[in-house]
Amino acid sequence: MFDSISIWLVFLMSLAMIVISVEIGYHVGIIRARKSEREREAPIDAVVGSTLGLLAFMLAFTFGMATSRYDARKQLVVDEANAIRTADLRAQLVPEPQRSAIRALLREYVDLWLHGVQYSSELAQAIRRSEQIHAILWSHLTSMEQVQPPERLALAAAFVEIINLHTKRVTAVTSNRIYGAIWVALYSVAMLAMGILGYRAGLSGRRSTIAILALALSFSAVLTLINDLDRPQQGLVGVSQQTLIDLQSKLRAPTSDEAK
């Protein structure tokens, strides 16, 4: 829902939404207090506490979802780097010219992922090219008649692992996100909770601007952090690609045979 919006704009929008909700509730509370004296005696404190508790639960639930997805994306980067490195080592046991061709494809594969993560507009093109590389790698494998079956099976297992991890990582980046309905529910509960809090202040006829501002900043920061964790390719808390960057350097380094 928020991918096209800057993370700082999300923070400002959340802050404005919370402040406006408190103000609306406050003015409605003042009006109701003037019209009915009984309204002041209503058990509104219990409602405020229950609504804030529900908001805290929603924030904890959504934060847990975002954190688990973030951790899964970090682990997939490491797993994919290990699978590619394994395939590269096993490819070095293959005779030429397949050896150089496979290693060049693996280098291109890593470059594609790093480029696609850095430039989200080119991610779809990187994914398509990656799938083409899968097919080319498999075609090299099927044409290795001179390679012994154990080596071919080991290389095939490495290629299958790369393909499987590719599918998982694409899913994690493109579709494994917090559902829009959850965002709607979270912001709706936040607006209602802040509105009731302002309503309670309006009934009593007094409020603390500093306390309301601190509360608004706190909730806005948490909402923005959840949104940031849910963004696979942008935002302030990005998934580190250092493992793939290190692998990129290793793949570009010449092997002992190539050095000779």
Protein backbone atom coordinates (compact mmCIF):
# COMPACT_ATOMS: atom_id res chain seq x y z
CA MET A 1 0.00 0.00 0.00
CA PHE A 2 2.86 2.41 0.79
CA ASP A 3 5.63 1.36 -1.60
CA SER A 4 5.18 4.40 -3.82
CA ILE A 5 5.40 6.76 -0.82
CA SER A 6 8.62 7.90 0.84
CA ILE A 7 9.15 6.42 4.29
CA TRP A 8 9.46 9.93 5.75
CA LEU A 9 6.15 10.88 4.15
CA VAL A 10 4.59 7.80 5.75
CA PHE A 11 5.83 9.05 9.12
CA LEU A 12 4.40 12.53 8.56
CA MET A 13 1.08 11.13 7.34
CA SER A 14 0.84 8.85 10.38
CA LEU A 15 1.66 11.73 12.69
CA ALA A 16 -0.91 14.01 11.06
CA MET A 17 -3.55 11.26 11.19
CA ILE A 18 -3.02 10.69 14.92
CA VAL A 19 -2.97 14.40 15.80
CA ILE A 20 -6.11 15.07 13.75
CA SER A 21 -7.90 12.11 15.37
CA VAL A 22 -7.04 13.43 18.85
CA GLU A 23 -8.20 16.93 17.92
CA ILE A 24 -11.48 15.71 16.47
CA GLY A 25 -12.15 13.59 19.54
CA TYR A 26 -11.24 16.49 21.83
CA HIS A 27 -13.64 18.93 20.20
CA VAL A 28 -16.43 16.33 20.07
CA GLY A 29 -15.84 15.71 23.79
CA ILE A 30 -16.14 19.43 24.57
CA ILE A 31 -19.41 19.65 22.65
CA ARG A 32 -20.85 16.57 24.35
CA ALA A 33 -19.81 17.81 27.79
CA ARG A 34 -21.62 21.09 27.23
CA LYS A 35 -24.82 19.38 26.11
CA SER A 36 -25.02 16.70 28.80
CA GLU A 37 -23.67 16.63 32.31
CA ARG A 38 -24.12 12.85 32.41
CA GLU A 39 -21.57 12.47 29.66
CA ARG A 40 -18.85 13.58 32.08
CA GLU A 41 -19.78 10.75 34.44
CA ALA A 42 -19.76 8.02 31.77
CA PRO A 43 -17.18 5.22 32.31
CA ILE A 44 -15.07 6.43 29.41
CA ASP A 45 -11.75 5.58 31.09
CA ALA A 46 -12.41 1.85 30.70
CA VAL A 47 -13.17 2.34 27.01
CA VAL A 48 -9.98 4.36 26.52
CA GLY A 49 -7.89 1.69 28.24
CA SER A 50 -9.48 -1.14 26.26
CA THR A 51 -9.02 0.65 22.93
CA LEU A 52 -5.39 1.50 23.66
CA GLY A 53 -4.81 -2.11 24.70
CA LEU A 54 -6.30 -3.30 21.42
CA LEU A 55 -4.07 -0.87 19.53
CA ALA A 56 -1.00 -2.15 21.41
CA PHE A 57 -1.96 -5.72 20.51
CA MET A 58 -2.41 -4.80 16.84
CA LEU A 59 0.97 -3.05 16.79
CA ALA A 60 2.71 -6.01 18.42
CA PHE A 61 1.03 -8.46 16.04
CA THR A 62 1.91 -6.47 12.91
CA PHE A 63 5.44 -5.77 14.15
CA GLY A 64 5.95 -9.50 14.68
CA MET A 65 4.78 -10.22 11.12
CA ALA A 66 7.11 -7.58 9.65
CA THR A 67 10.06 -8.77 11.72
CA SER A 68 9.61 -12.43 10.78
CA ARG A 69 9.48 -11.55 7.08
CA TYR A 70 12.53 -9.32 7.42
CA ASP A 71 14.51 -12.10 9.13
CA ALA A 72 13.40 -14.58 6.44
CA ARG A 73 14.66 -12.27 3.68
CA LYS A 74 18.03 -11.90 5.44
CA GLN A 75 18.38 -15.67 5.77
CA LEU A 76 17.48 -16.22 2.12
CA VAL A 77 20.35 -13.95 1.05
CA VAL A 78 22.81 -16.09 3.01
CA ASP A 79 21.29 -19.37 1.79
CA GLU A 80 21.36 -18.28 -1.83
CA ALA A 81 24.97 -17.11 -1.58
CA ASN A 82 25.95 -20.48 -0.11
CA ALA A 83 24.10 -22.36 -2.87
CA ILE A 84 25.75 -20.32 -5.62
CA ARG A 85 29.18 -20.77 -4.05
CA THR A 86 28.60 -24.53 -3.84
CA ALA A 87 27.61 -24.65 -7.50
CA ASP A 88 30.71 -22.65 -8.44
CA LEU A 89 33.03 -25.01 -6.55
CA ARG A 90 31.43 -28.06 -8.11
CA ALA A 91 31.57 -26.46 -11.56
CA GLN A 92 35.34 -26.22 -11.21
CA LEU A 93 35.45 -30.02 -11.43
CA VAL A 94 33.86 -29.88 -14.88
CA PRO A 95 36.11 -29.79 -17.96
CA GLU A 96 36.24 -26.91 -20.37
CA PRO A 97 34.39 -25.27 -22.06
CA GLN A 98 31.42 -25.94 -19.74
CA ARG A 99 33.42 -24.89 -16.67
CA SER A 100 34.03 -21.32 -17.86
CA ALA A 101 30.50 -21.02 -19.25
CA ILE A 102 28.86 -22.12 -15.98
CA ARG A 103 31.05 -19.86 -13.84
CA ALA A 104 30.31 -16.89 -16.11
CA LEU A 105 26.58 -17.56 -15.78
CA LEU A 106 26.86 -17.75 -11.99
CA ARG A 107 28.73 -14.43 -11.92
CA GLU A 108 26.04 -12.84 -14.05
CA TYR A 109 23.39 -14.35 -11.78
CA VAL A 110 24.87 -12.68 -8.69
CA ASP A 111 25.29 -9.38 -10.54
CA LEU A 112 21.64 -9.49 -11.59
CA TRP A 113 20.37 -9.96 -8.05
CA LEU A 114 22.52 -7.18 -6.65
CA HIS A 115 21.49 -4.83 -9.44
CA GLY A 116 17.81 -5.73 -9.10
CA VAL A 117 17.86 -5.10 -5.35
CA GLN A 118 19.62 -1.76 -5.79
CA TYR A 119 17.28 -0.58 -8.57
CA SER A 120 13.77 -1.79 -7.81
CA SER A 121 12.47 -0.60 -11.20
CA GLU A 122 14.67 -3.23 -12.88
CA LEU A 123 13.80 -6.10 -10.54
CA ALA A 124 11.28 -7.69 -12.91
CA GLN A 125 13.83 -7.72 -15.73
CA ALA A 126 16.45 -9.22 -13.40
CA ILE A 127 14.03 -11.98 -12.38
CA ARG A 128 13.28 -12.86 -16.00
CA ARG A 129 16.97 -13.03 -16.89
CA SER A 130 17.66 -15.13 -13.79
CA GLU A 131 15.09 -17.67 -14.91
CA GLN A 132 16.73 -17.76 -18.34
CA ILE A 133 20.07 -18.46 -16.64
CA HIS A 134 18.45 -21.39 -14.81
CA ALA A 135 17.46 -22.91 -18.14
CA ILE A 136 20.92 -22.34 -19.64
CA LEU A 137 22.64 -23.89 -16.62
CA TRP A 138 20.42 -26.95 -16.88
CA SER A 139 21.12 -27.27 -20.59
CA HIS A 140 24.86 -27.29 -19.84
CA LEU A 141 24.27 -30.03 -17.30
CA THR A 142 22.39 -32.25 -19.72
CA SER A 143 25.14 -31.90 -22.34
CA MET A 144 27.96 -33.11 -20.06
CA GLU A 145 28.19 -36.64 -21.38
CA GLN A 146 31.91 -36.86 -20.60
CA VAL A 147 31.40 -36.02 -16.90
CA GLN A 148 31.00 -38.90 -14.48
CA PRO A 149 27.50 -39.42 -12.95
CA PRO A 150 28.53 -38.53 -9.36
CA GLU A 151 29.88 -35.13 -10.45
CA ARG A 152 26.83 -34.50 -12.60
CA LEU A 153 24.46 -35.39 -9.76
CA ALA A 154 26.32 -33.12 -7.34
CA LEU A 155 26.18 -30.23 -9.79
CA ALA A 156 22.50 -30.95 -10.52
CA ALA A 157 21.72 -30.79 -6.79
CA ALA A 158 23.44 -27.41 -6.55
CA PHE A 159 21.47 -26.07 -9.53
CA VAL A 160 18.19 -27.33 -8.07
CA GLU A 161 18.99 -25.62 -4.76
CA ILE A 162 19.65 -22.33 -6.59
CA ILE A 163 16.34 -22.60 -8.46
CA ASN A 164 14.38 -23.40 -5.31
CA LEU A 165 15.93 -20.53 -3.36
CA HIS A 166 15.27 -18.20 -6.29
CA THR A 167 11.57 -19.00 -6.08
CA LYS A 168 11.54 -18.42 -2.32
CA ARG A 169 13.40 -15.13 -2.59
CA VAL A 170 11.21 -13.78 -5.39
CA THR A 171 8.14 -14.64 -3.31
CA ALA A 172 9.66 -12.95 -0.24
CA VAL A 173 10.48 -9.79 -2.19
CA THR A 174 7.33 -9.44 -4.30
CA SER A 175 4.37 -11.00 -2.51
CA ASN A 176 5.20 -12.07 1.05
CA ARG A 177 4.10 -8.76 2.56
CA ILE A 178 1.71 -7.51 5.22
CA TYR A 179 -1.79 -7.65 3.74
CA GLY A 180 -3.58 -4.42 2.90
CA ALA A 181 -6.52 -5.41 5.10
CA ILE A 182 -4.18 -5.56 8.10
CA TRP A 183 -2.88 -2.06 7.36
CA VAL A 184 -6.45 -0.75 7.09
CA ALA A 185 -7.40 -2.40 10.39
CA LEU A 186 -4.25 -1.14 12.13
CA TYR A 187 -4.71 2.48 11.07
CA SER A 188 -8.45 2.33 11.77
CA VAL A 189 -7.85 1.12 15.32
CA ALA A 190 -5.14 3.76 15.77
CA MET A 191 -7.50 6.54 14.65
CA LEU A 192 -10.30 5.29 16.89
CA ALA A 193 -7.99 4.91 19.91
CA MET A 194 -6.56 8.40 19.47
CA GLY A 195 -10.01 9.82 18.86
CA ILE A 196 -11.39 8.30 22.07
CA LEU A 197 -8.34 9.55 23.95
CA GLY A 198 -9.03 13.06 22.69
CA TYR A 199 -12.71 12.62 23.50
CA ARG A 200 -11.81 11.78 27.10
CA ALA A 201 -9.69 14.94 27.31
CA GLY A 202 -12.54 17.00 25.86
CA LEU A 203 -15.00 15.70 28.48
CA SER A 204 -12.65 16.67 31.27
CA GLY A 205 -11.95 20.05 29.65
CA ARG A 206 -8.19 19.78 29.97
CA ARG A 207 -5.35 18.26 27.97
CA SER A 208 -1.58 18.23 27.80
CA THR A 209 -0.23 19.24 24.42
CA ILE A 210 3.22 17.86 25.21
CA ALA A 211 1.82 14.49 26.30
CA ILE A 212 -0.37 14.22 23.20
CA LEU A 213 2.54 15.16 20.94
CA ALA A 214 4.81 12.59 22.61
CA LEU A 215 2.14 9.91 22.20
CA ALA A 216 1.58 10.84 18.55
CA LEU A 217 5.31 10.74 17.81
CA SER A 218 5.69 7.37 19.53
CA PHE A 219 2.85 5.68 17.67
CA SER A 220 3.88 7.26 14.38
CA ALA A 221 7.45 6.01 14.83
CA VAL A 222 6.25 2.45 15.49
CA LEU A 223 3.87 2.50 12.51
CA THR A 224 6.66 3.82 10.28
CA LEU A 225 9.12 1.19 11.53
CA ILE A 226 6.63 -1.59 10.74
CA ASN A 227 6.16 -0.15 7.27
CA ASP A 228 9.93 0.13 6.81
CA LEU A 229 10.53 -3.50 7.81
CA ASP A 230 7.88 -4.58 5.30
CA ARG A 231 9.72 -2.94 2.39
CA PRO A 232 12.12 -5.46 0.82
CA GLN A 233 14.04 -3.03 -1.40
CA GLN A 234 13.65 0.43 0.03
CA GLY A 235 13.38 2.27 3.30
CA LEU A 236 15.83 2.85 6.13
CA VAL A 237 16.10 -0.74 7.41
CA GLY A 238 17.16 -2.64 4.31
CA VAL A 239 18.28 -6.25 4.06
CA SER A 240 22.07 -6.35 3.83
CA GLN A 241 23.42 -7.86 0.61
CA GLN A 242 26.98 -8.06 1.94
CA THR A 243 27.06 -11.85 1.66
CA LEU A 244 26.32 -11.66 -2.06
CA ILE A 245 28.81 -8.80 -2.48
CA ASP A 246 31.52 -10.94 -0.89
CA LEU A 247 30.52 -13.84 -3.12
CA GLN A 248 30.72 -11.56 -6.14
CA SER A 249 34.36 -10.86 -5.34
CA LYS A 250 35.12 -14.57 -4.91
CA LEU A 251 33.51 -15.47 -8.22
CA ARG A 252 35.54 -12.84 -10.04
CA ALA A 253 38.80 -14.04 -8.55
CA PRO A 254 40.65 -16.49 -10.85
CA THR A 255 40.91 -20.12 -9.80
CA SER A 256 44.26 -21.87 -9.40
CA ASP A 257 43.93 -23.40 -12.89
CA GLU A 258 43.07 -20.04 -14.44
CA ALA A 259 45.98 -18.38 -12.64
CA LYS A 260 48.34 -20.87 -14.23
